[in-house]
Amino acid sequence: MFQISGHEVFEDGQVIFQEDSPGDCIYSIEQGVVELSKMIGGKRLILDTLKAGDVFGEVGYITMGARMATATARGKTELGVVDRSFLDDEINKLSGNFRSILKGMAQRLQRTTTMLALEKIRREEPRIRKVFGLTFKDKESLVKAYSENLSGLGVYIKTPKPLPKGSRFNLKLNLPDDQEQLRIGCEVAWTRTETDDPAVRPIGMGVKFIQISKEGLQRLRDALKDSEEEVTEL
């Protein structure tokens, strides 16, 4: 059984830890309920609801990385904090190879959870074929381009010189009947540098939104809500 080094009490709605915070400890639920949630595309998605006897926070501890979700108390909740020295001793009893396997499993769980969450949101945020003017900066200059399709999660940008995968940049999007450009923080998810049908699959880059305000997301959704041509493939 786990060794408990301390106890913490949380009231209803109180955040236990935030997504992306350091994963430096594991909790055991002694009484109450804990909700795990993740922000995807400006929406909060509930991943799981845990009850007394469940343990959480283990993925962040095993990977020695950031928390993959936010943990929130639902009702008055009492937690036991699993002793860090006990955890370290148990982990160190394992061979180096087995520790690597365990860490790899935890990292795959993080990626799978994110992918499933994205898929759920995608069903609620379909990509719409819509042409909007936009601008962004590369290393040399300001680039003017157009969207091919977009949703509340991201946009495909038609451009003859796509940025490298993983590049982060700020995008300014021109919405119809809106005098103020929509500013969005983005990351290049994938690129297309060759095509056999430029009219259907133009050269460019698929971009995911990593920073967009709630107000900005609503403005984008309002601009897309009257469109009916949903994109089923890229």
Foldseek 3Di string as FASTA:
>chain_A
DFDFPDKDKDAAFDWPDAFQAQLQWKKAWQAAKKWWWAAALNDIGTDDMDGHGDMDSVLRNLLRGTHLTIIGTHHITMITIGDNVRVVVVLVVDDPVVSVVVNVVSVVVSVVSVVVVVVVVCVVWFKFQDWWWKWWDDPPGIDIWIFGIDTSWWTWTADQDEDDAQDKTWMWTDFPPDPGTFIFIKGFHAFDNDDPDCVVVNGTTIITTDDGDPVSSVVVCVSCVVGDHTDDDD
